[in-house]
PDB file of all heavy atoms in Angstrom:
ATOM      1  N   SER A   1      -5.184 -50.206  27.071  1.00  0.00           N
ATOM      2  CA  SER A   1      -6.423 -50.913  27.384  1.00  0.00           C
ATOM      3  C   SER A   1      -7.499 -49.918  27.818  1.00  0.00           C
ATOM      4  O   SER A   1      -8.666 -50.034  27.416  1.00  0.00           O
ATOM      5  CB  SER A   1      -6.164 -51.947  28.480  1.00  0.00           C
ATOM      6  OG  SER A   1      -7.319 -52.704  28.709  1.00  0.00           O
ATOM      7  N   LEU A   2      -7.128 -48.936  28.631  1.00  0.00           N
ATOM      8  CA  LEU A   2      -8.088 -47.906  29.067  1.00  0.00           C
ATOM      9  C   LEU A   2      -8.566 -47.073  27.874  1.00  0.00           C
ATOM     10  O   LEU A   2      -9.756 -46.756  27.757  1.00  0.00           O
ATOM     11  CB  LEU A   2      -7.468 -46.995  30.118  1.00  0.00           C
ATOM     12  CG  LEU A   2      -7.205 -47.614  31.489  1.00  0.00           C
ATOM     13  CD1 LEU A   2      -6.436 -46.633  32.380  1.00  0.00           C
ATOM     14  CD2 LEU A   2      -8.515 -48.021  32.153  1.00  0.00           C
ATOM     15  N   VAL A   3      -7.651 -46.740  26.982  1.00  0.00           N
ATOM     16  CA  VAL A   3      -8.021 -45.964  25.787  1.00  0.00           C
ATOM     17  C   VAL A   3      -8.971 -46.791  24.911  1.00  0.00           C
ATOM     18  O   VAL A   3      -9.960 -46.268  24.388  1.00  0.00           O
ATOM     19  CB  VAL A   3      -6.769 -45.519  25.000  1.00  0.00           C
ATOM     20  CG1 VAL A   3      -7.161 -44.857  23.693  1.00  0.00           C
ATOM     21  CG2 VAL A   3      -5.924 -44.579  25.851  1.00  0.00           C
ATOM     22  N   ALA A   4      -8.722 -48.095  24.759  1.00  0.00           N
ATOM     23  CA  ALA A   4      -9.625 -48.950  23.991  1.00  0.00           C
ATOM     24  C   ALA A   4     -11.015 -48.999  24.636  1.00  0.00           C
ATOM     25  O   ALA A   4     -12.033 -48.973  23.935  1.00  0.00           O
ATOM     26  CB  ALA A   4      -9.043 -50.357  23.848  1.00  0.00           C
ATOM     27  N   LEU A   5     -11.049 -49.045  25.960  1.00  0.00           N
ATOM     28  CA  LEU A   5     -12.355 -48.992  26.654  1.00  0.00           C
ATOM     29  C   LEU A   5     -13.071 -47.666  26.373  1.00  0.00           C
ATOM     30  O   LEU A   5     -14.290 -47.615  26.222  1.00  0.00           O
ATOM     31  CB  LEU A   5     -12.172 -49.159  28.156  1.00  0.00           C
ATOM     32  CG  LEU A   5     -12.073 -50.581  28.680  1.00  0.00           C
ATOM     33  CD1 LEU A   5     -11.652 -50.597  30.142  1.00  0.00           C
ATOM     34  CD2 LEU A   5     -13.412 -51.316  28.491  1.00  0.00           C
ATOM     35  N   TYR A   6     -12.303 -46.600  26.306  1.00  0.00           N
ATOM     36  CA  TYR A   6     -12.843 -45.269  26.003  1.00  0.00           C
ATOM     37  C   TYR A   6     -13.567 -45.288  24.657  1.00  0.00           C
ATOM     38  O   TYR A   6     -14.586 -44.631  24.484  1.00  0.00           O
ATOM     39  CB  TYR A   6     -11.653 -44.295  26.002  1.00  0.00           C
ATOM     40  CG  TYR A   6     -11.934 -42.866  25.652  1.00  0.00           C
ATOM     41  CD1 TYR A   6     -12.555 -42.007  26.555  1.00  0.00           C
ATOM     42  CD2 TYR A   6     -11.527 -42.344  24.427  1.00  0.00           C
ATOM     43  CE1 TYR A   6     -12.780 -40.679  26.251  1.00  0.00           C
ATOM     44  CE2 TYR A   6     -11.739 -41.003  24.116  1.00  0.00           C
ATOM     45  CZ  TYR A   6     -12.367 -40.190  25.032  1.00  0.00           C
ATOM     46  OH  TYR A   6     -12.576 -38.868  24.716  1.00  0.00           O
ATOM     47  N   PHE A   7     -13.039 -46.057  23.695  1.00  0.00           N
ATOM     48  CA  PHE A   7     -13.637 -46.135  22.365  1.00  0.00           C
ATOM     49  C   PHE A   7     -14.682 -47.251  22.231  1.00  0.00           C
ATOM     50  O   PHE A   7     -15.336 -47.373  21.196  1.00  0.00           O
ATOM     51  CB  PHE A   7     -12.546 -46.357  21.300  1.00  0.00           C
ATOM     52  CG  PHE A   7     -11.672 -45.147  21.091  1.00  0.00           C
ATOM     53  CD1 PHE A   7     -10.313 -45.235  21.315  1.00  0.00           C
ATOM     54  CD2 PHE A   7     -12.212 -43.946  20.688  1.00  0.00           C
ATOM     55  CE1 PHE A   7      -9.497 -44.131  21.124  1.00  0.00           C
ATOM     56  CE2 PHE A   7     -11.406 -42.833  20.505  1.00  0.00           C
ATOM     57  CZ  PHE A   7     -10.045 -42.922  20.726  1.00  0.00           C
ATOM     58  N   LEU A   8     -14.847 -48.057  23.257  1.00  0.00           N
ATOM     59  CA  LEU A   8     -15.718 -49.236  23.200  1.00  0.00           C
ATOM     60  C   LEU A   8     -17.099 -48.940  22.646  1.00  0.00           C
ATOM     61  O   LEU A   8     -17.524 -49.518  21.641  1.00  0.00           O
ATOM     62  CB  LEU A   8     -15.832 -49.868  24.590  1.00  0.00           C
ATOM     63  CG  LEU A   8     -16.795 -51.055  24.707  1.00  0.00           C
ATOM     64  CD1 LEU A   8     -16.160 -52.291  24.119  1.00  0.00           C
ATOM     65  CD2 LEU A   8     -17.169 -51.295  26.160  1.00  0.00           C
ATOM     66  N   LEU A   9     -17.834 -48.062  23.307  1.00  0.00           N
ATOM     67  CA  LEU A   9     -19.220 -47.822  22.897  1.00  0.00           C
ATOM     68  C   LEU A   9     -19.309 -47.039  21.600  1.00  0.00           C
ATOM     69  O   LEU A   9     -20.243 -47.244  20.811  1.00  0.00           O
ATOM     70  CB  LEU A   9     -19.966 -47.112  24.024  1.00  0.00           C
ATOM     71  CG  LEU A   9     -20.085 -47.927  25.317  1.00  0.00           C
ATOM     72  CD1 LEU A   9     -20.831 -47.149  26.378  1.00  0.00           C
ATOM     73  CD2 LEU A   9     -20.777 -49.256  25.060  1.00  0.00           C
ATOM     74  N   ALA A  10     -18.348 -46.135  21.362  1.00  0.00           N
ATOM     75  CA  ALA A  10     -18.382 -45.384  20.102  1.00  0.00           C
ATOM     76  C   ALA A  10     -18.192 -46.316  18.908  1.00  0.00           C
ATOM     77  O   ALA A  10     -18.921 -46.219  17.915  1.00  0.00           O
ATOM     78  CB  ALA A  10     -17.293 -44.309  20.105  1.00  0.00           C
ATOM     79  N   VAL A  11     -17.250 -47.233  19.016  1.00  0.00           N
ATOM     80  CA  VAL A  11     -17.032 -48.177  17.907  1.00  0.00           C
ATOM     81  C   VAL A  11     -18.288 -49.002  17.684  1.00  0.00           C
ATOM     82  O   VAL A  11     -18.768 -49.147  16.546  1.00  0.00           O
ATOM     83  CB  VAL A  11     -15.800 -49.074  18.170  1.00  0.00           C
ATOM     84  CG1 VAL A  11     -15.732 -50.228  17.173  1.00  0.00           C
ATOM     85  CG2 VAL A  11     -14.527 -48.249  18.127  1.00  0.00           C
ATOM     86  N   GLU A  12     -18.865 -49.529  18.752  1.00  0.00           N
ATOM     87  CA  GLU A  12     -20.077 -50.349  18.608  1.00  0.00           C
ATOM     88  C   GLU A  12     -21.195 -49.528  17.970  1.00  0.00           C
ATOM     89  O   GLU A  12     -21.844 -49.972  17.036  1.00  0.00           O
ATOM     90  CB  GLU A  12     -20.508 -50.848  19.984  1.00  0.00           C
ATOM     91  CG  GLU A  12     -21.753 -51.713  19.918  1.00  0.00           C
ATOM     92  CD  GLU A  12     -22.140 -52.234  21.289  1.00  0.00           C
ATOM     93  OE1 GLU A  12     -21.452 -53.138  21.785  1.00  0.00           O
ATOM     94  OE2 GLU A  12     -23.127 -51.718  21.849  1.00  0.00           O
ATOM     95  N   ARG A  13     -21.385 -48.311  18.474  1.00  0.00           N
ATOM     96  CA  ARG A  13     -22.471 -47.469  17.979  1.00  0.00           C
ATOM     97  C   ARG A  13     -22.300 -47.154  16.494  1.00  0.00           C
ATOM     98  O   ARG A  13     -23.235 -47.280  15.692  1.00  0.00           O
ATOM     99  CB  ARG A  13     -22.534 -46.191  18.796  1.00  0.00           C
ATOM    100  CG  ARG A  13     -23.613 -45.229  18.361  1.00  0.00           C
ATOM    101  CD  ARG A  13     -23.627 -44.010  19.241  1.00  0.00           C
ATOM    102  NE  ARG A  13     -24.749 -43.156  18.889  1.00  0.00           N
ATOM    103  CZ  ARG A  13     -24.708 -41.846  19.011  1.00  0.00           C
ATOM    104  NH1 ARG A  13     -23.656 -41.237  19.477  1.00  0.00           N
ATOM    105  NH2 ARG A  13     -25.763 -41.121  18.670  1.00  0.00           N
ATOM    106  N   PHE A  14     -21.098 -46.730  16.097  1.00  0.00           N
ATOM    107  CA  PHE A  14     -20.908 -46.275  14.722  1.00  0.00           C
ATOM    108  C   PHE A  14     -20.794 -47.426  13.725  1.00  0.00           C
ATOM    109  O   PHE A  14     -21.200 -47.282  12.592  1.00  0.00           O
ATOM    110  CB  PHE A  14     -19.726 -45.317  14.627  1.00  0.00           C
ATOM    111  CG  PHE A  14     -19.987 -44.028  15.352  1.00  0.00           C
ATOM    112  CD1 PHE A  14     -19.262 -43.684  16.462  1.00  0.00           C
ATOM    113  CD2 PHE A  14     -20.999 -43.185  14.944  1.00  0.00           C
ATOM    114  CE1 PHE A  14     -19.515 -42.516  17.149  1.00  0.00           C
ATOM    115  CE2 PHE A  14     -21.282 -42.007  15.620  1.00  0.00           C
ATOM    116  CZ  PHE A  14     -20.527 -41.663  16.732  1.00  0.00           C
ATOM    117  N   VAL A  15     -20.275 -48.549  14.134  1.00  0.00           N
ATOM    118  CA  VAL A  15     -20.216 -49.685  13.224  1.00  0.00           C
ATOM    119  C   VAL A  15     -21.620 -50.254  13.000  1.00  0.00           C
ATOM    120  O   VAL A  15     -21.991 -50.594  11.881  1.00  0.00           O
ATOM    121  CB  VAL A  15     -19.250 -50.777  13.716  1.00  0.00           C
ATOM    122  CG1 VAL A  15     -19.380 -52.064  12.903  1.00  0.00           C
ATOM    123  CG2 VAL A  15     -17.810 -50.277  13.675  1.00  0.00           C
ATOM    124  N   LEU A  16     -22.433 -50.321  14.075  1.00  0.00           N
ATOM    125  CA  LEU A  16     -23.763 -50.918  13.958  1.00  0.00           C
ATOM    126  C   LEU A  16     -24.830 -49.948  13.473  1.00  0.00           C
ATOM    127  O   LEU A  16     -25.774 -50.361  12.796  1.00  0.00           O
ATOM    128  CB  LEU A  16     -24.178 -51.504  15.309  1.00  0.00           C
ATOM    129  CG  LEU A  16     -23.330 -52.661  15.824  1.00  0.00           C
ATOM    130  CD1 LEU A  16     -23.825 -53.133  17.191  1.00  0.00           C
ATOM    131  CD2 LEU A  16     -23.293 -53.815  14.837  1.00  0.00           C
ATOM    132  N   GLN A  17     -24.696 -48.651  13.809  1.00  0.00           N
ATOM    133  CA  GLN A  17     -25.782 -47.709  13.482  1.00  0.00           C
ATOM    134  C   GLN A  17     -25.347 -46.580  12.555  1.00  0.00           C
ATOM    135  O   GLN A  17     -26.198 -45.939  11.949  1.00  0.00           O
ATOM    136  CB  GLN A  17     -26.338 -47.079  14.758  1.00  0.00           C
ATOM    137  CG  GLN A  17     -26.888 -48.078  15.735  1.00  0.00           C
ATOM    138  CD  GLN A  17     -27.153 -47.428  17.076  1.00  0.00           C
ATOM    139  OE1 GLN A  17     -26.573 -46.397  17.413  1.00  0.00           O
ATOM    140  NE2 GLN A  17     -28.032 -48.015  17.853  1.00  0.00           N
ATOM    141  N   GLY A  18     -24.071 -46.315  12.492  1.00  0.00           N
ATOM    142  CA  GLY A  18     -23.590 -45.216  11.666  1.00  0.00           C
ATOM    143  C   GLY A  18     -23.019 -45.749  10.376  1.00  0.00           C
ATOM    144  O   GLY A  18     -23.497 -46.737   9.812  1.00  0.00           O
ATOM    145  N   ARG A  19     -21.999 -45.102   9.933  1.00  0.00           N
ATOM    146  CA  ARG A  19     -21.266 -45.550   8.747  1.00  0.00           C
ATOM    147  C   ARG A  19     -19.798 -45.608   9.161  1.00  0.00           C
ATOM    148  O   ARG A  19     -19.245 -44.640   9.647  1.00  0.00           O
ATOM    149  CB  ARG A  19     -21.429 -44.566   7.588  1.00  0.00           C
ATOM    150  CG  ARG A  19     -22.848 -44.402   7.066  1.00  0.00           C
ATOM    151  CD  ARG A  19     -23.344 -45.620   6.286  1.00  0.00           C
ATOM    152  NE  ARG A  19     -22.515 -46.054   5.183  1.00  0.00           N
ATOM    153  CZ  ARG A  19     -22.615 -45.602   3.938  1.00  0.00           C
ATOM    154  NH1 ARG A  19     -23.496 -44.694   3.624  1.00  0.00           N
ATOM    155  NH2 ARG A  19     -21.797 -46.073   3.003  1.00  0.00           N
ATOM    156  N   SER A  20     -19.168 -46.738   8.956  1.00  0.00           N
ATOM    157  CA  SER A  20     -17.777 -46.931   9.361  1.00  0.00           C
ATOM    158  C   SER A  20     -17.023 -47.608   8.223  1.00  0.00           C
ATOM    159  O   SER A  20     -17.555 -48.492   7.552  1.00  0.00           O
ATOM    160  CB  SER A  20     -17.698 -47.778  10.630  1.00  0.00           C
ATOM    161  OG  SER A  20     -18.359 -47.141  11.677  1.00  0.00           O
ATOM    162  N   PHE A  21     -15.789 -47.169   8.058  1.00  0.00           N
ATOM    163  CA  PHE A  21     -14.963 -47.666   6.974  1.00  0.00           C
ATOM    164  C   PHE A  21     -13.586 -48.041   7.529  1.00  0.00           C
ATOM    165  O   PHE A  21     -13.129 -47.468   8.520  1.00  0.00           O
ATOM    166  CB  PHE A  21     -14.817 -46.609   5.886  1.00  0.00           C
ATOM    167  CG  PHE A  21     -16.140 -46.160   5.335  1.00  0.00           C
ATOM    168  CD1 PHE A  21     -16.783 -45.044   5.861  1.00  0.00           C
ATOM    169  CD2 PHE A  21     -16.761 -46.857   4.309  1.00  0.00           C
ATOM    170  CE1 PHE A  21     -18.021 -44.625   5.372  1.00  0.00           C
ATOM    171  CE2 PHE A  21     -17.995 -46.447   3.811  1.00  0.00           C
ATOM    172  CZ  PHE A  21     -18.626 -45.327   4.356  1.00  0.00           C
ATOM    173  N   VAL A  22     -12.922 -48.990   6.866  1.00  0.00           N
ATOM    174  CA  VAL A  22     -11.603 -49.422   7.303  1.00  0.00           C
ATOM    175  C   VAL A  22     -10.643 -49.446   6.121  1.00  0.00           C
ATOM    176  O   VAL A  22     -11.042 -49.578   4.962  1.00  0.00           O
ATOM    177  CB  VAL A  22     -11.652 -50.820   7.956  1.00  0.00           C
ATOM    178  CG1 VAL A  22     -12.396 -50.770   9.290  1.00  0.00           C
ATOM    179  CG2 VAL A  22     -12.260 -51.861   7.040  1.00  0.00           C
ATOM    180  N   ALA A  23      -9.363 -49.323   6.475  1.00  0.00           N
ATOM    181  CA  ALA A  23      -8.274 -49.557   5.546  1.00  0.00           C
ATOM    182  C   ALA A  23      -7.665 -50.898   5.937  1.00  0.00           C
ATOM    183  O   ALA A  23      -7.376 -51.129   7.111  1.00  0.00           O
ATOM    184  CB  ALA A  23      -7.236 -48.450   5.656  1.00  0.00           C
ATOM    185  N   VAL A  24      -7.512 -51.796   4.968  1.00  0.00           N
ATOM    186  CA  VAL A  24      -6.996 -53.140   5.238  1.00  0.00           C
ATOM    187  C   VAL A  24      -5.742 -53.348   4.416  1.00  0.00           C
ATOM    188  O   VAL A  24      -5.753 -53.199   3.194  1.00  0.00           O
ATOM    189  CB  VAL A  24      -8.051 -54.214   4.892  1.00  0.00           C
ATOM    190  CG1 VAL A  24      -7.503 -55.613   5.154  1.00  0.00           C
ATOM    191  CG2 VAL A  24      -9.345 -53.985   5.670  1.00  0.00           C
ATOM    192  N   GLY A  25      -4.652 -53.687   5.102  1.00  0.00           N
ATOM    193  CA  GLY A  25      -3.387 -53.976   4.450  1.00  0.00           C
ATOM    194  C   GLY A  25      -2.827 -55.290   4.947  1.00  0.00           C
ATOM    195  O   GLY A  25      -2.872 -55.552   6.159  1.00  0.00           O
ATOM    196  N   ASP A  26      -2.348 -56.117   4.074  1.00  0.00           N
ATOM    197  CA  ASP A  26      -1.811 -57.427   4.436  1.00  0.00           C
ATOM    198  C   ASP A  26      -2.819 -58.236   5.247  1.00  0.00           C
ATOM    199  O   ASP A  26      -2.452 -58.910   6.214  1.00  0.00           O
ATOM    200  CB  ASP A  26      -0.491 -57.283   5.213  1.00  0.00           C
ATOM    201  CG  ASP A  26       0.600 -56.661   4.367  1.00  0.00           C
ATOM    202  OD1 ASP A  26       0.625 -56.930   3.143  1.00  0.00           O
ATOM    203  OD2 ASP A  26       1.422 -55.902   4.925  1.00  0.00           O
ATOM    204  N   GLY A  27      -4.089 -58.109   4.898  1.00  0.00           N
ATOM    205  CA  GLY A  27      -5.137 -58.902   5.550  1.00  0.00           C
ATOM    206  C   GLY A  27      -5.561 -58.443   6.923  1.00  0.00           C
ATOM    207  O   GLY A  27      -6.293 -59.136   7.614  1.00  0.00           O
ATOM    208  N   ARG A  28      -5.111 -57.246   7.357  1.00  0.00           N
ATOM    209  CA  ARG A  28      -5.526 -56.771   8.682  1.00  0.00           C
ATOM    210  C   ARG A  28      -5.920 -55.291   8.632  1.00  0.00           C
ATOM    211  O   ARG A  28      -5.429 -54.533   7.803  1.00  0.00           O
ATOM    212  CB  ARG A  28      -4.446 -57.003   9.721  1.00  0.00           C
ATOM    213  CG  ARG A  28      -3.201 -56.186   9.532  1.00  0.00           C
ATOM    214  CD  ARG A  28      -2.097 -56.584  10.525  1.00  0.00           C
ATOM    215  NE  ARG A  28      -0.998 -55.648  10.418  1.00  0.00           N
ATOM    216  CZ  ARG A  28      -0.672 -54.751  11.333  1.00  0.00           C
ATOM    217  NH1 ARG A  28      -1.375 -54.646  12.439  1.00  0.00           N
ATOM    218  NH2 ARG A  28       0.338 -53.943  11.174  1.00  0.00           N
ATOM    219  N   VAL A  29      -6.810 -54.908   9.530  1.00  0.00           N
ATOM    220  CA  VAL A  29      -7.274 -53.520   9.620  1.00  0.00           C
ATOM    221  C   VAL A  29      -6.131 -52.669  10.144  1.00  0.00           C
ATOM    222  O   VAL A  29      -5.560 -52.959  11.208  1.00  0.00           O
ATOM    223  CB  VAL A  29      -8.511 -53.404  10.534  1.00  0.00           C
ATOM    224  CG1 VAL A  29      -8.902 -51.948  10.742  1.00  0.00           C
ATOM    225  CG2 VAL A  29      -9.694 -54.193   9.967  1.00  0.00           C
ATOM    226  N   VAL A  30      -5.798 -51.604   9.397  1.00  0.00           N
ATOM    227  CA  VAL A  30      -4.714 -50.705   9.814  1.00  0.00           C
ATOM    228  C   VAL A  30      -5.213 -49.275  10.014  1.00  0.00           C
ATOM    229  O   VAL A  30      -4.475 -48.420  10.495  1.00  0.00           O
ATOM    230  CB  VAL A  30      -3.533 -50.714   8.804  1.00  0.00           C
ATOM    231  CG1 VAL A  30      -2.951 -52.124   8.711  1.00  0.00           C
ATOM    232  CG2 VAL A  30      -3.952 -50.197   7.449  1.00  0.00           C
ATOM    233  N   GLY A  31      -6.474 -49.019   9.669  1.00  0.00           N
ATOM    234  CA  GLY A  31      -7.054 -47.693   9.853  1.00  0.00           C
ATOM    235  C   GLY A  31      -8.574 -47.792   9.895  1.00  0.00           C
ATOM    236  O   GLY A  31      -9.154 -48.752   9.374  1.00  0.00           O
TER     237      GLY A  31
END
């Protein structure tokens, strides 16, 4: 949970303002 908080703002920033990509397997994000 602490590690996820560590990534909180980075994920928001890069998904909304940067370029972000995902790998999806069996209908869920795995990367």
